[in-house]
Protein backbone atom coordinates (compact mmCIF):
# COMPACT_ATOMS: atom_id res chain seq x y z
CA MET A 1 4.73 -7.97 -15.64
CA THR A 2 2.98 -7.88 -12.17
CA THR A 3 2.29 -4.88 -10.10
CA THR A 4 5.06 -6.02 -7.59
CA GLN A 5 7.54 -6.46 -10.39
CA ARG A 6 6.89 -3.07 -11.79
CA LEU A 7 6.98 -1.37 -8.45
CA LEU A 8 10.33 -3.06 -7.69
CA ASP A 9 11.60 -2.02 -11.07
CA LEU A 10 10.62 1.58 -10.59
CA ALA A 11 12.05 1.57 -7.06
CA ALA A 12 15.44 0.34 -8.29
CA THR A 13 15.56 2.78 -11.25
CA ALA A 14 14.29 5.96 -9.61
CA PRO A 15 17.23 6.63 -7.13
CA ALA A 16 19.75 6.53 -10.12
CA SER A 17 17.89 9.17 -11.94
CA HIS A 18 19.09 12.83 -11.55
CA ASP A 19 16.21 14.29 -13.39
CA GLU A 20 13.47 15.35 -10.99
CA ASP A 21 10.85 15.31 -13.63
CA LEU A 22 11.61 11.65 -14.41
CA VAL A 23 11.66 10.82 -10.67
CA LEU A 24 8.30 12.49 -10.37
CA GLN A 25 7.05 10.44 -13.39
CA PHE A 26 8.37 7.24 -11.67
CA LEU A 27 6.85 8.24 -8.43
CA THR A 28 3.38 8.92 -9.97
CA GLU A 29 3.41 5.59 -11.80
CA ALA A 30 4.45 3.81 -8.61
CA SER A 31 1.73 5.51 -6.60
CA GLU A 32 -0.90 4.18 -9.10
CA LEU A 33 0.59 0.77 -8.89
CA TYR A 34 0.59 0.97 -5.04
CA GLN A 35 -3.07 1.80 -4.95
CA GLN A 36 -3.97 -0.94 -7.52
CA GLY A 37 -1.92 -3.45 -5.41
CA PHE A 38 -3.63 -2.38 -2.32
CA GLU A 39 -7.03 -2.58 -3.85
CA ASP A 40 -6.24 -6.12 -5.28
CA LEU A 41 -5.15 -7.26 -1.81
CA ARG A 42 -8.20 -5.62 -0.14
CA ARG A 43 -10.52 -7.63 -2.49
CA ALA A 44 -8.71 -10.86 -1.72
CA VAL A 45 -8.93 -10.19 2.06
CA ALA A 46 -12.56 -9.41 1.72
CA ALA A 47 -13.12 -12.63 -0.20
CA ARG A 48 -11.15 -14.62 2.50
CA VAL A 49 -13.15 -13.14 5.38
CA ALA A 50 -16.42 -13.13 3.75
CA GLY A 51 -17.96 -15.84 5.87
CA MET A 52 -16.61 -14.69 9.17
CA SER A 53 -18.80 -13.55 11.96
CA PRO A 54 -18.24 -9.92 13.11
CA GLU A 55 -16.73 -11.18 16.29
CA VAL A 56 -14.20 -13.44 14.58
CA LEU A 57 -13.36 -10.68 12.20
CA VAL A 58 -12.68 -8.31 15.03
CA ALA A 59 -10.54 -10.90 16.69
CA THR A 60 -8.63 -11.40 13.38
CA VAL A 61 -7.94 -7.65 13.04
CA ASN A 62 -6.97 -7.35 16.74
CA ALA A 63 -4.58 -10.34 16.27
CA ALA A 64 -2.98 -8.57 13.32
CA GLY A 65 -2.00 -5.72 15.76
CA LEU A 66 -4.77 -3.20 15.05
CA PRO A 67 -7.22 -2.16 17.87
CA CYS A 68 -10.89 -2.23 16.56
CA ASP A 69 -14.24 -3.13 17.84
CA ALA A 70 -17.54 -4.59 16.60
CA SER A 71 -18.99 -1.09 16.17
CA GLN A 72 -16.78 -0.69 13.11
CA GLY A 73 -18.40 -1.82 9.85
CA HIS A 74 -17.36 -4.92 7.86
CA GLY A 75 -15.85 -2.88 5.20
CA GLU A 76 -13.70 -0.81 7.51
CA LEU A 77 -12.48 -3.92 9.37
CA VAL A 78 -11.55 -5.61 6.05
CA SER A 79 -9.60 -2.50 5.00
CA LEU A 80 -7.80 -2.43 8.37
CA LEU A 81 -6.79 -6.04 7.88
CA ALA A 82 -5.73 -5.35 4.32
CA VAL A 83 -3.73 -2.32 5.27
CA THR A 84 -1.72 -4.45 7.74
CA GLU A 85 -0.92 -7.17 5.35
CA TRP A 86 -0.32 -4.72 2.52
CA GLN A 87 2.21 -2.69 4.41
CA MET A 88 4.46 -5.83 4.65
CA THR A 89 4.50 -6.71 0.97
CA PRO A 90 7.63 -6.20 -1.09
CA ALA A 91 5.60 -3.88 -3.26
CA ALA A 92 4.59 -1.61 -0.44
CA LEU A 93 8.02 -1.57 1.08
CA ALA A 94 9.65 -0.63 -2.12
CA TYR A 95 7.17 2.12 -2.71
CA ALA A 96 7.75 3.58 0.70
CA GLU A 97 11.50 3.49 0.26
CA MET A 98 11.13 5.10 -3.22
CA ALA A 99 8.83 7.79 -1.94
CA GLU A 100 11.23 8.57 1.02
CA ASP A 101 14.20 8.83 -1.36
CA ALA A 102 12.21 11.13 -3.73
CA ALA A 103 11.19 13.31 -0.77
CA ARG A 104 14.84 13.69 0.47
CA ARG A 105 15.50 14.97 -3.09
CA GLY A 106 12.53 17.41 -2.87
CA VAL A 107 10.22 15.27 -5.23
CA CYS A 108 6.80 14.87 -3.86
CA LEU A 109 3.43 13.94 -5.38
CA ILE A 110 1.72 16.63 -3.17
CA PRO A 111 2.57 20.04 -4.56
CA GLU A 112 3.74 22.70 -2.11
CA GLY A 113 1.18 25.20 -1.86
C-alpha cells in the first residue's frame, strides 16, 4: 500500500470513529505518513531541479506562486517548491481534512499545555 493510499484510508476511517484515542492513533500515523510523503516528494523535486541554475530555480519557485530570491539557498528553494507541490496532492489534502476534523472534535497532536 502506498503512502497516499494509507493516508486516504485513514482519512476515510477516522471521522467514523467515536473513540478519541483511536482518532489520535489514526492522526499520529497519518502525520508520520504525511511527513514521509513530503520527504519523498522533496527528494524527487531536488532530483528534478538538480541541474538548474539558481536563477532558473528562483524563477520556477516564483512561477509556482511563492516569492523568493537568489539569496535563499538551493535547499530552501527546493523545499519551497516541494511544499507548493505537496500541498495539492491527494495525500496532503486528505491529511489536512482529517486533522481539521480531529481538531473540531478536540483531538490534536500537540498537547494542551
